Protein backbone atom coordinates (compact mmCIF):
# COMPACT_ATOMS: atom_id res chain seq x y z
CA MET A 1 -93.51 -177.37 -53.27
CA TRP A 2 -92.74 -181.20 -53.35
CA GLU A 3 -90.69 -182.17 -50.45
CA ILE A 4 -89.51 -185.78 -50.84
CA ILE A 5 -88.01 -188.48 -48.78
CA PHE A 6 -86.33 -191.75 -50.65
CA TYR A 7 -85.83 -194.36 -48.49
CA SER A 8 -83.12 -197.16 -50.08
CA ARG A 9 -80.29 -199.10 -49.70
CA GLY A 10 -76.74 -198.74 -50.56
CA GLY A 11 -76.44 -199.53 -54.30
CA GLN A 12 -80.28 -199.28 -56.02
CA GLY A 13 -79.60 -195.62 -56.76
CA ALA A 14 -81.57 -193.09 -55.07
CA VAL A 15 -78.66 -190.56 -54.70
CA THR A 16 -78.40 -190.94 -58.07
CA ALA A 17 -82.58 -190.95 -58.90
CA SER A 18 -82.56 -187.71 -56.98
CA LYS A 19 -80.40 -185.66 -58.55
CA ILE A 20 -82.08 -187.24 -62.39
CA LEU A 21 -85.32 -186.10 -60.73
CA THR A 22 -84.00 -182.62 -59.83
CA GLU A 23 -82.11 -182.98 -63.90
CA ALA A 24 -85.86 -182.63 -64.88
CA SER A 25 -86.73 -180.26 -62.81
CA ILE A 26 -84.54 -178.39 -63.87
CA PHE A 27 -85.78 -178.89 -67.40
CA GLU A 28 -89.02 -177.42 -66.98
CA GLY A 29 -87.58 -174.31 -65.00
CA LYS A 30 -88.55 -175.30 -61.89
CA PHE A 31 -86.09 -174.78 -58.86
CA ALA A 32 -85.23 -178.55 -57.28
CA GLN A 33 -83.06 -179.56 -54.86
CA SER A 34 -81.38 -183.24 -53.89
CA ILE A 35 -80.30 -183.77 -50.92
CA PRO A 36 -78.28 -187.37 -50.14
CA SER A 37 -77.34 -188.54 -46.46
CA TYR A 38 -74.55 -190.73 -46.57
CA GLY A 39 -73.75 -193.49 -42.98
CA GLN A 40 -73.18 -196.60 -43.51
CA GLU A 41 -71.75 -195.70 -46.98
CA ARG A 42 -71.93 -199.83 -48.06
CA LYS A 43 -74.28 -201.94 -50.56
CA GLY A 44 -77.13 -203.01 -48.59
CA ALA A 45 -77.22 -200.66 -45.91
CA PRO A 46 -79.88 -198.12 -45.37
CA VAL A 47 -79.61 -194.72 -47.50
CA TYR A 48 -81.74 -191.95 -46.99
CA THR A 49 -82.24 -189.14 -49.87
CA TYR A 50 -84.20 -185.48 -49.97
CA GLY A 51 -85.23 -183.66 -52.29
CA ARG A 52 -87.44 -180.24 -52.88
CA ILE A 53 -89.09 -179.64 -56.58
CA ASP A 54 -91.11 -175.87 -56.69
CA ASP A 55 -92.39 -173.19 -58.93
CA ASP A 56 -90.55 -170.71 -56.50
CA ARG A 57 -87.32 -170.51 -55.45
CA ILE A 58 -86.50 -173.04 -52.29
CA GLU A 59 -85.16 -171.26 -49.24
CA THR A 60 -84.87 -173.96 -46.68
CA LYS A 61 -81.47 -175.88 -47.05
CA SER A 62 -82.17 -179.10 -44.67
CA TYR A 63 -82.91 -182.48 -44.59
CA VAL A 64 -86.89 -183.15 -45.45
CA TYR A 65 -88.37 -183.82 -42.12
CA ASP A 66 -92.38 -183.65 -43.01
CA PRO A 67 -92.62 -185.08 -46.57
CA ASN A 68 -95.68 -185.13 -48.53
CA LEU A 69 -93.97 -187.72 -51.14
CA VAL A 70 -92.32 -190.71 -49.83
CA ILE A 71 -90.14 -193.09 -52.60
CA LEU A 72 -89.46 -196.16 -50.76
CA PHE A 73 -86.81 -198.99 -52.61
CA ASP A 74 -87.09 -201.43 -50.79
CA THR A 75 -89.85 -202.92 -48.40
CA SER A 76 -87.68 -204.49 -46.39
CA LEU A 77 -87.03 -201.36 -44.58
CA ILE A 78 -89.86 -201.24 -42.55
CA GLU A 79 -89.48 -204.80 -41.50
CA ILE A 80 -85.73 -203.98 -39.65
CA GLY A 81 -87.65 -200.90 -38.51
CA ILE A 82 -87.28 -197.72 -40.25
CA LYS A 83 -89.87 -195.73 -40.03
CA VAL A 84 -91.20 -194.34 -43.46
CA PHE A 85 -94.16 -193.03 -43.14
CA ASN A 86 -93.09 -190.80 -40.02
CA GLY A 87 -93.81 -187.45 -40.94
CA LEU A 88 -95.47 -187.92 -43.86
CA LYS A 89 -98.05 -185.18 -44.68
CA GLY A 90 -101.69 -186.13 -44.47
CA GLU A 91 -102.08 -185.72 -47.92
CA GLY A 92 -99.29 -188.05 -48.18
CA ILE A 93 -98.24 -189.63 -51.73
CA LEU A 94 -95.83 -193.35 -51.42
CA VAL A 95 -94.62 -194.90 -54.43
CA VAL A 96 -92.85 -198.45 -53.83
CA ASN A 97 -91.13 -200.97 -55.20
CA SER A 98 -93.24 -204.29 -55.26
CA ASP A 99 -95.63 -205.87 -56.77
CA LYS A 100 -97.77 -206.42 -53.06
CA GLU A 101 -100.05 -204.06 -51.46
CA ILE A 102 -98.23 -203.12 -47.78
CA GLU A 103 -100.09 -202.13 -45.06
CA LEU A 104 -101.36 -198.01 -45.50
CA PRO A 105 -101.35 -195.74 -42.72
CA SER A 106 -104.44 -192.98 -42.47
CA SER A 107 -101.42 -190.35 -43.60
CA VAL A 108 -101.06 -192.04 -47.50
CA LYS A 109 -103.45 -190.36 -49.38
CA LYS A 110 -101.97 -192.15 -52.90
CA ALA A 111 -100.18 -195.53 -53.13
CA VAL A 112 -98.31 -196.25 -56.06
CA TYR A 113 -97.23 -199.58 -56.96
CA VAL A 114 -94.28 -200.89 -59.25
CA ASP A 115 -91.96 -203.80 -59.71
CA ALA A 116 -89.05 -201.57 -60.83
CA LEU A 117 -86.86 -203.99 -59.79
CA LYS A 118 -88.43 -207.19 -62.54
CA ILE A 119 -88.83 -204.17 -65.13
CA THR A 120 -85.19 -203.31 -64.79
CA SER A 121 -84.25 -206.79 -64.95
CA GLU A 122 -86.44 -207.67 -68.25
CA GLU A 123 -85.26 -204.37 -70.60
CA ILE A 124 -81.76 -203.41 -69.36
CA GLY A 125 -80.43 -206.61 -66.82
CA ASP A 126 -78.62 -206.46 -63.56
CA VAL A 127 -78.63 -202.98 -62.78
CA PRO A 128 -80.01 -200.90 -59.96
CA PRO A 129 -84.54 -200.12 -60.18
CA ASN A 130 -84.02 -196.21 -59.84
CA ILE A 131 -84.63 -195.14 -62.94
CA ALA A 132 -87.64 -197.33 -63.46
CA MET A 133 -89.01 -195.74 -60.23
CA LEU A 134 -88.95 -192.56 -61.39
CA GLY A 135 -91.93 -193.08 -63.49
CA ALA A 136 -94.16 -194.40 -61.54
CA VAL A 137 -92.67 -190.87 -59.14
CA VAL A 138 -94.14 -188.51 -62.03
CA LYS A 139 -97.29 -191.04 -62.51
CA ALA A 140 -97.60 -190.60 -59.03
CA THR A 141 -97.34 -186.91 -58.66
CA ALA A 142 -97.49 -185.37 -62.22
CA CYS A 143 -94.65 -182.98 -60.17
CA ILE A 144 -92.99 -182.89 -63.77
CA ASP A 145 -93.44 -184.58 -67.56
CA ILE A 146 -92.49 -188.03 -68.62
CA GLU A 147 -90.62 -186.22 -71.46
CA SER A 148 -88.66 -184.03 -68.94
CA LEU A 149 -87.86 -186.68 -67.07
CA VAL A 150 -86.58 -189.39 -70.14
CA LYS A 151 -84.81 -186.29 -71.37
CA ALA A 152 -82.51 -185.72 -67.61
CA VAL A 153 -81.99 -189.80 -67.81
CA LYS A 154 -80.69 -189.89 -71.30
CA HIS A 155 -78.58 -186.65 -70.69
CA LYS A 156 -77.23 -188.16 -67.04
CA ILE A 157 -76.62 -191.75 -68.64
CA PRO A 158 -75.37 -191.15 -72.81
CA GLY A 159 -75.17 -193.66 -75.22
CA LYS A 160 -77.35 -197.34 -75.67
CA ASP A 161 -77.63 -197.70 -71.35
CA GLY A 162 -79.45 -194.42 -71.54
CA GLU A 163 -82.14 -195.30 -74.34
CA LEU A 164 -82.44 -198.68 -71.94
CA ASN A 165 -82.89 -197.04 -69.48
CA ALA A 166 -85.28 -194.41 -70.44
CA LYS A 167 -87.59 -197.10 -71.41
CA ALA A 168 -87.61 -198.79 -68.03
CA CYS A 169 -88.91 -195.62 -67.00
CA ARG A 170 -91.17 -195.30 -69.83
CA ARG A 171 -92.31 -198.54 -69.08
CA ALA A 172 -92.30 -198.52 -65.13
CA TYR A 173 -94.71 -195.19 -66.01
CA GLU A 174 -97.63 -197.04 -67.92
CA GLU A 175 -97.34 -200.32 -65.95
CA ALA A 176 -97.42 -198.35 -62.22
CA ARG A 177 -100.56 -198.76 -60.45
CA VAL A 178 -102.45 -196.15 -58.63
CA TYR A 179 -104.39 -195.99 -55.12
CA GLU A 180 -106.26 -193.58 -54.32
CA ARG A 181 -108.04 -193.67 -51.12
CA ALA A 182 -111.83 -191.94 -51.29
């Protein structure tokens, strides 16, 4: 089972990203949950969103405490003391919105870096980087197929905006840089 924590700031679209990832999983016949946690509910405040994806029914109905996948939308969350690696299982995967590498604990087996903000800005304009982040998630995990993700993006965001977001998603999938520990 994929157990996921999205770390972001209000306005970066992590809740929407979690819902789209869930829908894409369901398109493939998998079981999935999206569990947002609303706290400050203001732009820029830390936001935690949780998710699960599995081939079998998911009986657990709680937040994720020991993820095997962490999705970090904003590295400045680490700088303000958010413990993004707490509970990360020993073979954990990190997907991070950054063009620079960050210091990783030994619990991170694989790190995937993507400049989702740049890709989103170039492809769409001044909108959240959430859909581009999902492209990198699929590259990092292969938890679902990129085509299912694109279908879910277009379903959630119809018309021209959906097409542009799908393009940003594919581009992030292609451009994400994968680093694995030996």
